Amino acid sequence: MRLYNQAEAYKQMPSEILRLETPWGAWQVNEITLMIGRRMERNVSEGKDAADGLMNLKNTIRRGYKSLKGLVTKKVNINPDGTW
């Protein structure tokens, strides 16, 4: 939530604040920060405990991650001239 608040206050992506370099890692941090931040804001606006339901969110995220494990990645060599 602290990262979400900083990103909102400074008008930056969470991955920019953390200076993440890989696009995939940056996307994951941005996505999870948004999901948790929005969930907590909604809980507070509905008069619930801010952390209410975060365990369900954790399980949803875990299921989504497990579905990505089957993806195949291939390593490639990048030549000095930029071709691969």
PDB file of N, CA and C in Angstrom:
ATOM      1  N   MET A   1       0.827  -1.195   0.000  1.00  0.00           N
ATOM      2  CA  MET A   1       0.000   0.000   0.000  1.00  0.00           C
ATOM      3  C   MET A   1       0.870   1.258   0.000  1.00  0.00           C
ATOM      4  N   ARG A   2       2.001   1.177   0.669  1.00  0.00           N
ATOM      5  CA  ARG A   2       2.892   2.345   0.703  1.00  0.00           C
ATOM      6  C   ARG A   2       3.415   2.663  -0.699  1.00  0.00           C
ATOM      7  N   LEU A   3       3.753   1.618  -1.447  1.00  0.00           N
ATOM      8  CA  LEU A   3       4.227   1.825  -2.812  1.00  0.00           C
ATOM      9  C   LEU A   3       3.115   2.392  -3.683  1.00  0.00           C
ATOM     10  N   TYR A   4       1.909   1.901  -3.506  1.00  0.00           N
ATOM     11  CA  TYR A   4       0.744   2.409  -4.244  1.00  0.00           C
ATOM     12  C   TYR A   4       0.549   3.899  -3.949  1.00  0.00           C
ATOM     13  N   ASN A   5       0.610   4.271  -2.682  1.00  0.00           N
ATOM     14  CA  ASN A   5       0.441   5.678  -2.302  1.00  0.00           C
ATOM     15  C   ASN A   5       1.549   6.562  -2.859  1.00  0.00           C
ATOM     16  N   GLN A   6       2.779   6.071  -2.832  1.00  0.00           N
ATOM     17  CA  GLN A   6       3.884   6.854  -3.397  1.00  0.00           C
ATOM     18  C   GLN A   6       3.699   7.046  -4.898  1.00  0.00           C
ATOM     19  N   ALA A   7       3.312   5.974  -5.575  1.00  0.00           N
ATOM     20  CA  ALA A   7       3.111   6.068  -7.024  1.00  0.00           C
ATOM     21  C   ALA A   7       2.016   7.075  -7.353  1.00  0.00           C
ATOM     22  N   GLU A   8       0.943   7.054  -6.585  1.00  0.00           N
ATOM     23  CA  GLU A   8      -0.144   8.010  -6.794  1.00  0.00           C
ATOM     24  C   GLU A   8       0.334   9.442  -6.525  1.00  0.00           C
ATOM     25  N   ALA A   9       1.048   9.630  -5.428  1.00  0.00           N
ATOM     26  CA  ALA A   9       1.490  10.966  -5.039  1.00  0.00           C
ATOM     27  C   ALA A   9       2.499  11.561  -6.022  1.00  0.00           C
ATOM     28  N   TYR A  10       3.429  10.733  -6.492  1.00  0.00           N
ATOM     29  CA  TYR A  10       4.481  11.217  -7.380  1.00  0.00           C
ATOM     30  C   TYR A  10       4.154  11.053  -8.861  1.00  0.00           C
ATOM     31  N   LYS A  11       2.975  10.495  -9.143  1.00  0.00           N
ATOM     32  CA  LYS A  11       2.548  10.290 -10.533  1.00  0.00           C
ATOM     33  C   LYS A  11       3.588   9.488 -11.314  1.00  0.00           C
ATOM     34  N   GLN A  12       4.030   8.385 -10.701  1.00  0.00           N
ATOM     35  CA  GLN A  12       4.992   7.492 -11.326  1.00  0.00           C
ATOM     36  C   GLN A  12       4.488   6.062 -11.196  1.00  0.00           C
ATOM     37  N   MET A  13       4.969   5.204 -12.075  1.00  0.00           N
ATOM     38  CA  MET A  13       4.664   3.787 -11.968  1.00  0.00           C
ATOM     39  C   MET A  13       5.465   3.226 -10.791  1.00  0.00           C
ATOM     40  N   PRO A  14       4.909   2.265 -10.071  1.00  0.00           N
ATOM     41  CA  PRO A  14       5.662   1.655  -8.972  1.00  0.00           C
ATOM     42  C   PRO A  14       7.025   1.122  -9.431  1.00  0.00           C
ATOM     43  N   SER A  15       7.075   0.550 -10.618  1.00  0.00           N
ATOM     44  CA  SER A  15       8.344   0.018 -11.126  1.00  0.00           C
ATOM     45  C   SER A  15       9.367   1.123 -11.367  1.00  0.00           C
ATOM     46  N   GLU A  16       8.910   2.335 -11.652  1.00  0.00           N
ATOM     47  CA  GLU A  16       9.830   3.459 -11.824  1.00  0.00           C
ATOM     48  C   GLU A  16      10.417   3.865 -10.472  1.00  0.00           C
ATOM     49  N   ILE A  17       9.595   3.856  -9.452  1.00  0.00           N
ATOM     50  CA  ILE A  17      10.074   4.195  -8.111  1.00  0.00           C
ATOM     51  C   ILE A  17      11.130   3.186  -7.665  1.00  0.00           C
ATOM     52  N   LEU A  18      10.884   1.905  -7.974  1.00  0.00           N
ATOM     53  CA  LEU A  18      11.819   0.850  -7.589  1.00  0.00           C
ATOM     54  C   LEU A  18      12.967   0.676  -8.583  1.00  0.00           C
ATOM     55  N   ARG A  19      12.888   1.400  -9.705  1.00  0.00           N
ATOM     56  CA  ARG A  19      13.908   1.348 -10.762  1.00  0.00           C
ATOM     57  C   ARG A  19      14.120  -0.063 -11.309  1.00  0.00           C
ATOM     58  N   LEU A  20      13.015  -0.736 -11.568  1.00  0.00           N
ATOM     59  CA  LEU A  20      13.097  -2.062 -12.157  1.00  0.00           C
ATOM     60  C   LEU A  20      13.463  -1.944 -13.628  1.00  0.00           C
ATOM     61  N   GLU A  21      14.272  -2.859 -14.088  1.00  0.00           N
ATOM     62  CA  GLU A  21      14.790  -2.757 -15.448  1.00  0.00           C
ATOM     63  C   GLU A  21      14.127  -3.696 -16.439  1.00  0.00           C
ATOM     64  N   THR A  22      13.623  -4.828 -15.985  1.00  0.00           N
ATOM     65  CA  THR A  22      13.035  -5.770 -16.937  1.00  0.00           C
ATOM     66  C   THR A  22      11.560  -5.452 -17.135  1.00  0.00           C
ATOM     67  N   PRO A  23      11.094  -5.449 -18.371  1.00  0.00           N
ATOM     68  CA  PRO A  23       9.687  -5.134 -18.637  1.00  0.00           C
ATOM     69  C   PRO A  23       8.722  -6.086 -17.934  1.00  0.00           C
ATOM     70  N   TRP A  24       9.031  -7.366 -17.904  1.00  0.00           N
ATOM     71  CA  TRP A  24       8.134  -8.339 -17.271  1.00  0.00           C
ATOM     72  C   TRP A  24       8.059  -8.105 -15.760  1.00  0.00           C
ATOM     73  N   GLY A  25       9.194  -7.895 -15.121  1.00  0.00           N
ATOM     74  CA  GLY A  25       9.214  -7.622 -13.690  1.00  0.00           C
ATOM     75  C   GLY A  25       8.495  -6.325 -13.363  1.00  0.00           C
ATOM     76  N   ALA A  26       8.708  -5.309 -14.191  1.00  0.00           N
ATOM     77  CA  ALA A  26       8.047  -4.018 -13.992  1.00  0.00           C
ATOM     78  C   ALA A  26       6.537  -4.175 -14.105  1.00  0.00           C
ATOM     79  N   TRP A  27       6.095  -4.915 -15.111  1.00  0.00           N
ATOM     80  CA  TRP A  27       4.653  -5.114 -15.295  1.00  0.00           C
ATOM     81  C   TRP A  27       4.058  -5.818 -14.091  1.00  0.00           C
ATOM     82  N   GLN A  28       4.733  -6.843 -13.595  1.00  0.00           N
ATOM     83  CA  GLN A  28       4.209  -7.592 -12.449  1.00  0.00           C
ATOM     84  C   GLN A  28       4.081  -6.700 -11.210  1.00  0.00           C
ATOM     85  N   VAL A  29       5.107  -5.911 -10.938  1.00  0.00           N
ATOM     86  CA  VAL A  29       5.061  -5.023  -9.764  1.00  0.00           C
ATOM     87  C   VAL A  29       3.960  -3.978  -9.937  1.00  0.00           C
ATOM     88  N   ASN A  30       3.848  -3.401 -11.118  1.00  0.00           N
ATOM     89  CA  ASN A  30       2.802  -2.402 -11.362  1.00  0.00           C
ATOM     90  C   ASN A  30       1.420  -3.017 -11.192  1.00  0.00           C
ATOM     91  N   GLU A  31       1.220  -4.207 -11.732  1.00  0.00           N
ATOM     92  CA  GLU A  31      -0.080  -4.865 -11.683  1.00  0.00           C
ATOM     93  C   GLU A  31      -0.480  -5.216 -10.251  1.00  0.00           C
ATOM     94  N   ILE A  32       0.413  -5.841  -9.507  1.00  0.00           N
ATOM     95  CA  ILE A  32       0.068  -6.259  -8.147  1.00  0.00           C
ATOM     96  C   ILE A  32      -0.114  -5.048  -7.235  1.00  0.00           C
ATOM     97  N   THR A  33       0.677  -4.012  -7.442  1.00  0.00           N
ATOM     98  CA  THR A  33       0.528  -2.800  -6.635  1.00  0.00           C
ATOM     99  C   THR A  33      -0.838  -2.173  -6.890  1.00  0.00           C
ATOM    100  N   LEU A  34      -1.248  -2.124  -8.143  1.00  0.00           N
ATOM    101  CA  LEU A  34      -2.558  -1.580  -8.478  1.00  0.00           C
ATOM    102  C   LEU A  34      -3.684  -2.425  -7.884  1.00  0.00           C
ATOM    103  N   MET A  35      -3.577  -3.745  -8.023  1.00  0.00           N
ATOM    104  CA  MET A  35      -4.627  -4.632  -7.514  1.00  0.00           C
ATOM    105  C   MET A  35      -4.801  -4.496  -6.004  1.00  0.00           C
ATOM    106  N   ILE A  36      -3.695  -4.513  -5.288  1.00  0.00           N
ATOM    107  CA  ILE A  36      -3.771  -4.414  -3.824  1.00  0.00           C
ATOM    108  C   ILE A  36      -4.231  -3.029  -3.402  1.00  0.00           C
ATOM    109  N   GLY A  37      -3.672  -1.999  -4.015  1.00  0.00           N
ATOM    110  CA  GLY A  37      -4.058  -0.637  -3.663  1.00  0.00           C
ATOM    111  C   GLY A  37      -5.538  -0.368  -3.883  1.00  0.00           C
ATOM    112  N   ARG A  38      -6.046  -0.782  -5.037  1.00  0.00           N
ATOM    113  CA  ARG A  38      -7.472  -0.579  -5.335  1.00  0.00           C
ATOM    114  C   ARG A  38      -8.354  -1.381  -4.382  1.00  0.00           C
ATOM    115  N   ARG A  39      -7.959  -2.623  -4.090  1.00  0.00           N
ATOM    116  CA  ARG A  39      -8.739  -3.456  -3.168  1.00  0.00           C
ATOM    117  C   ARG A  39      -8.810  -2.799  -1.792  1.00  0.00           C
ATOM    118  N   MET A  40      -7.677  -2.298  -1.311  1.00  0.00           N
ATOM    119  CA  MET A  40      -7.652  -1.676   0.013  1.00  0.00           C
ATOM    120  C   MET A  40      -8.466  -0.382   0.027  1.00  0.00           C
ATOM    121  N   GLU A  41      -8.372   0.417  -1.029  1.00  0.00           N
ATOM    122  CA  GLU A  41      -9.177   1.640  -1.106  1.00  0.00           C
ATOM    123  C   GLU A  41     -10.668   1.312  -1.091  1.00  0.00           C
ATOM    124  N   ARG A  42     -11.058   0.299  -1.852  1.00  0.00           N
ATOM    125  CA  ARG A  42     -12.467  -0.093  -1.898  1.00  0.00           C
ATOM    126  C   ARG A  42     -12.941  -0.576  -0.528  1.00  0.00           C
ATOM    127  N   ASN A  43     -12.115  -1.362   0.135  1.00  0.00           N
ATOM    128  CA  ASN A  43     -12.485  -1.840   1.466  1.00  0.00           C
ATOM    129  C   ASN A  43     -12.727  -0.685   2.425  1.00  0.00           C
ATOM    130  N   VAL A  44     -11.834   0.273   2.416  1.00  0.00           N
ATOM    131  CA  VAL A  44     -11.968   1.419   3.322  1.00  0.00           C
ATOM    132  C   VAL A  44     -13.224   2.224   2.981  1.00  0.00           C
ATOM    133  N   SER A  45     -13.475   2.431   1.695  1.00  0.00           N
ATOM    134  CA  SER A  45     -14.660   3.212   1.313  1.00  0.00           C
ATOM    135  C   SER A  45     -15.962   2.491   1.669  1.00  0.00           C
ATOM    136  N   GLU A  46     -15.898   1.155   1.770  1.00  0.00           N
ATOM    137  CA  GLU A  46     -17.076   0.374   2.154  1.00  0.00           C
ATOM    138  C   GLU A  46     -17.159   0.149   3.662  1.00  0.00           C
ATOM    139  N   GLY A  47     -16.237   0.754   4.417  1.00  0.00           N
ATOM    140  CA  GLY A  47     -16.256   0.641   5.862  1.00  0.00           C
ATOM    141  C   GLY A  47     -15.687  -0.667   6.389  1.00  0.00           C
ATOM    142  N   LYS A  48     -14.966  -1.391   5.564  1.00  0.00           N
ATOM    143  CA  LYS A  48     -14.358  -2.653   5.981  1.00  0.00           C
ATOM    144  C   LYS A  48     -12.922  -2.418   6.414  1.00  0.00           C
ATOM    145  N   ASP A  49     -12.342  -3.448   7.013  1.00  0.00           N
ATOM    146  CA  ASP A  49     -10.918  -3.413   7.323  1.00  0.00           C
ATOM    147  C   ASP A  49     -10.162  -3.345   6.001  1.00  0.00           C
ATOM    148  N   ALA A  50      -9.112  -2.538   5.934  1.00  0.00           N
ATOM    149  CA  ALA A  50      -8.384  -2.336   4.681  1.00  0.00           C
ATOM    150  C   ALA A  50      -7.852  -3.639   4.101  1.00  0.00           C
ATOM    151  N   ALA A  51      -7.428  -4.566   4.955  1.00  0.00           N
ATOM    152  CA  ALA A  51      -6.833  -5.818   4.483  1.00  0.00           C
ATOM    153  C   ALA A  51      -7.864  -6.917   4.224  1.00  0.00           C
ATOM    154  N   ASP A  52      -9.134  -6.618   4.398  1.00  0.00           N
ATOM    155  CA  ASP A  52     -10.173  -7.624   4.207  1.00  0.00           C
ATOM    156  C   ASP A  52     -10.144  -8.177   2.783  1.00  0.00           C
ATOM    157  N   GLY A  53     -10.092  -9.478   2.660  1.00  0.00           N
ATOM    158  CA  GLY A  53     -10.125 -10.115   1.350  1.00  0.00           C
ATOM    159  C   GLY A  53      -8.793 -10.211   0.642  1.00  0.00           C
ATOM    160  N   LEU A  54      -7.717  -9.745   1.255  1.00  0.00           N
ATOM    161  CA  LEU A  54      -6.432  -9.803   0.575  1.00  0.00           C
ATOM    162  C   LEU A  54      -5.925 -11.231   0.414  1.00  0.00           C
ATOM    163  N   MET A  55      -6.302 -12.137   1.301  1.00  0.00           N
ATOM    164  CA  MET A  55      -5.901 -13.538   1.142  1.00  0.00           C
ATOM    165  C   MET A  55      -6.558 -14.123  -0.106  1.00  0.00           C
ATOM    166  N   ASN A  56      -7.819 -13.762  -0.375  1.00  0.00           N
ATOM    167  CA  ASN A  56      -8.467 -14.230  -1.596  1.00  0.00           C
ATOM    168  C   ASN A  56      -7.743 -13.690  -2.819  1.00  0.00           C
ATOM    169  N   LEU A  57      -7.311 -12.438  -2.741  1.00  0.00           N
ATOM    170  CA  LEU A  57      -6.561 -11.829  -3.839  1.00  0.00           C
ATOM    171  C   LEU A  57      -5.240 -12.569  -4.041  1.00  0.00           C
ATOM    172  N   LYS A  58      -4.590 -12.926  -2.942  1.00  0.00           N
ATOM    173  CA  LYS A  58      -3.330 -13.666  -3.023  1.00  0.00           C
ATOM    174  C   LYS A  58      -3.536 -14.986  -3.756  1.00  0.00           C
ATOM    175  N   ASN A  59      -4.608 -15.695  -3.443  1.00  0.00           N
ATOM    176  CA  ASN A  59      -4.888 -16.967  -4.101  1.00  0.00           C
ATOM    177  C   ASN A  59      -5.191 -16.776  -5.585  1.00  0.00           C
ATOM    178  N   THR A  60      -5.896 -15.709  -5.921  1.00  0.00           N
ATOM    179  CA  THR A  60      -6.187 -15.407  -7.324  1.00  0.00           C
ATOM    180  C   THR A  60      -4.904 -15.143  -8.091  1.00  0.00           C
ATOM    181  N   ILE A  61      -4.011 -14.391  -7.503  1.00  0.00           N
ATOM    182  CA  ILE A  61      -2.733 -14.080  -8.135  1.00  0.00           C
ATOM    183  C   ILE A  61      -1.911 -15.349  -8.304  1.00  0.00           C
ATOM    184  N   ARG A  62      -1.894 -16.173  -7.279  1.00  0.00           N
ATOM    185  CA  ARG A  62      -1.130 -17.420  -7.341  1.00  0.00           C
ATOM    186  C   ARG A  62      -1.648 -18.313  -8.471  1.00  0.00           C
ATOM    187  N   ARG A  63      -2.978 -18.409  -8.613  1.00  0.00           N
ATOM    188  CA  ARG A  63      -3.548 -19.220  -9.699  1.00  0.00           C
ATOM    189  C   ARG A  63      -3.140 -18.659 -11.052  1.00  0.00           C
ATOM    190  N   GLY A  64      -3.141 -17.338 -11.188  1.00  0.00           N
ATOM    191  CA  GLY A  64      -2.737 -16.719 -12.441  1.00  0.00           C
ATOM    192  C   GLY A  64      -1.286 -16.992 -12.763  1.00  0.00           C
ATOM    193  N   TYR A  65      -0.432 -16.968 -11.738  1.00  0.00           N
ATOM    194  CA  TYR A  65       0.989 -17.229 -11.946  1.00  0.00           C
ATOM    195  C   TYR A  65       1.211 -18.677 -12.359  1.00  0.00           C
ATOM    196  N   LYS A  66       0.501 -19.594 -11.715  1.00  0.00           N
ATOM    197  CA  LYS A  66       0.666 -21.006 -12.062  1.00  0.00           C
ATOM    198  C   LYS A  66       0.263 -21.273 -13.501  1.00  0.00           C
ATOM    199  N   SER A  67      -0.713 -20.538 -14.011  1.00  0.00           N
ATOM    200  CA  SER A  67      -1.120 -20.750 -15.401  1.00  0.00           C
ATOM    201  C   SER A  67      -0.040 -20.280 -16.366  1.00  0.00           C
ATOM    202  N   LEU A  68       0.852 -19.403 -15.937  1.00  0.00           N
ATOM    203  CA  LEU A  68       1.934 -18.922 -16.795  1.00  0.00           C
ATOM    204  C   LEU A  68       3.123 -19.874 -16.820  1.00  0.00           C
ATOM    205  N   LYS A  69       3.202 -20.786 -15.840  1.00  0.00           N
ATOM    206  CA  LYS A  69       4.356 -21.673 -15.752  1.00  0.00           C
ATOM    207  C   LYS A  69       4.502 -22.565 -16.974  1.00  0.00           C
ATOM    208  N   GLY A  70       3.416 -22.864 -17.643  1.00  0.00           N
ATOM    209  CA  GLY A  70       3.477 -23.735 -18.804  1.00  0.00           C
ATOM    210  C   GLY A  70       4.007 -23.060 -20.056  1.00  0.00           C
ATOM    211  N   LEU A  71       4.177 -21.750 -20.018  1.00  0.00           N
ATOM    212  CA  LEU A  71       4.680 -21.043 -21.191  1.00  0.00           C
ATOM    213  C   LEU A  71       6.135 -21.417 -21.441  1.00  0.00           C
ATOM    214  N   VAL A  72       6.468 -21.564 -22.682  1.00  0.00           N
ATOM    215  CA  VAL A  72       7.834 -21.932 -23.043  1.00  0.00           C
ATOM    216  C   VAL A  72       8.579 -20.679 -23.451  1.00  0.00           C
ATOM    217  N   THR A  73       9.757 -20.532 -22.920  1.00  0.00           N
ATOM    218  CA  THR A  73      10.613 -19.427 -23.338  1.00  0.00           C
ATOM    219  C   THR A  73      11.829 -20.015 -24.028  1.00  0.00           C
ATOM    220  N   LYS A  74      12.368 -19.284 -24.929  1.00  0.00           N
ATOM    221  CA  LYS A  74      13.522 -19.745 -25.687  1.00  0.00           C
ATOM    222  C   LYS A  74      14.631 -18.719 -25.551  1.00  0.00           C
ATOM    223  N   LYS A  75      15.817 -19.196 -25.209  1.00  0.00           N
ATOM    224  CA  LYS A  75      16.965 -18.307 -25.130  1.00  0.00           C
ATOM    225  C   LYS A  75      17.532 -18.118 -26.526  1.00  0.00           C
ATOM    226  N   VAL A  76      17.896 -16.906 -26.831  1.00  0.00           N
ATOM    227  CA  VAL A  76      18.506 -16.605 -28.117  1.00  0.00           C
ATOM    228  C   VAL A  76      19.796 -15.832 -27.876  1.00  0.00           C
ATOM    229  N   ASN A  77      20.700 -15.986 -28.785  1.00  0.00           N
ATOM    230  CA  ASN A  77      21.944 -15.208 -28.730  1.00  0.00           C
ATOM    231  C   ASN A  77      21.754 -13.959 -29.576  1.00  0.00           C
ATOM    232  N   ILE A  78      22.129 -12.840 -29.007  1.00  0.00           N
ATOM    233  CA  ILE A  78      22.051 -11.576 -29.742  1.00  0.00           C
ATOM    234  C   ILE A  78      23.461 -11.209 -30.173  1.00  0.00           C
ATOM    235  N   ASN A  79      23.627 -11.077 -31.463  1.00  0.00           N
ATOM    236  CA  ASN A  79      24.937 -10.739 -32.029  1.00  0.00           C
ATOM    237  C   ASN A  79      25.276  -9.263 -31.764  1.00  0.00           C
ATOM    238  N   PRO A  80      26.547  -8.924 -31.828  1.00  0.00           N
ATOM    239  CA  PRO A  80      26.953  -7.521 -31.607  1.00  0.00           C
ATOM    240  C   PRO A  80      26.238  -6.529 -32.530  1.00  0.00           C
ATOM    241  N   ASP A  81      25.845  -7.000 -33.725  1.00  0.00           N
ATOM    242  CA  ASP A  81      25.152  -6.094 -34.644  1.00  0.00           C
ATOM    243  C   ASP A  81      23.657  -5.988 -34.340  1.00  0.00           C
ATOM    244  N   GLY A  82      23.198  -6.675 -33.281  1.00  0.00           N
ATOM    245  CA  GLY A  82      21.811  -6.586 -32.865  1.00  0.00           C
ATOM    246  C   GLY A  82      20.890  -7.636 -33.468  1.00  0.00           C
ATOM    247  N   THR A  83      21.403  -8.481 -34.367  1.00  0.00           N
ATOM    248  CA  THR A  83      20.571  -9.534 -34.939  1.00  0.00           C
ATOM    249  C   THR A  83      20.573 -10.747 -34.030  1.00  0.00           C
ATOM    250  N   TRP A  84      19.543 -11.587 -34.194  1.00  0.00           N
ATOM    251  CA  TRP A  84      19.465 -12.812 -33.403  1.00  0.00           C
ATOM    252  C   TRP A  84      18.847 -13.927 -34.155  1.00  0.00           C
TER     253      TRP A  84
END
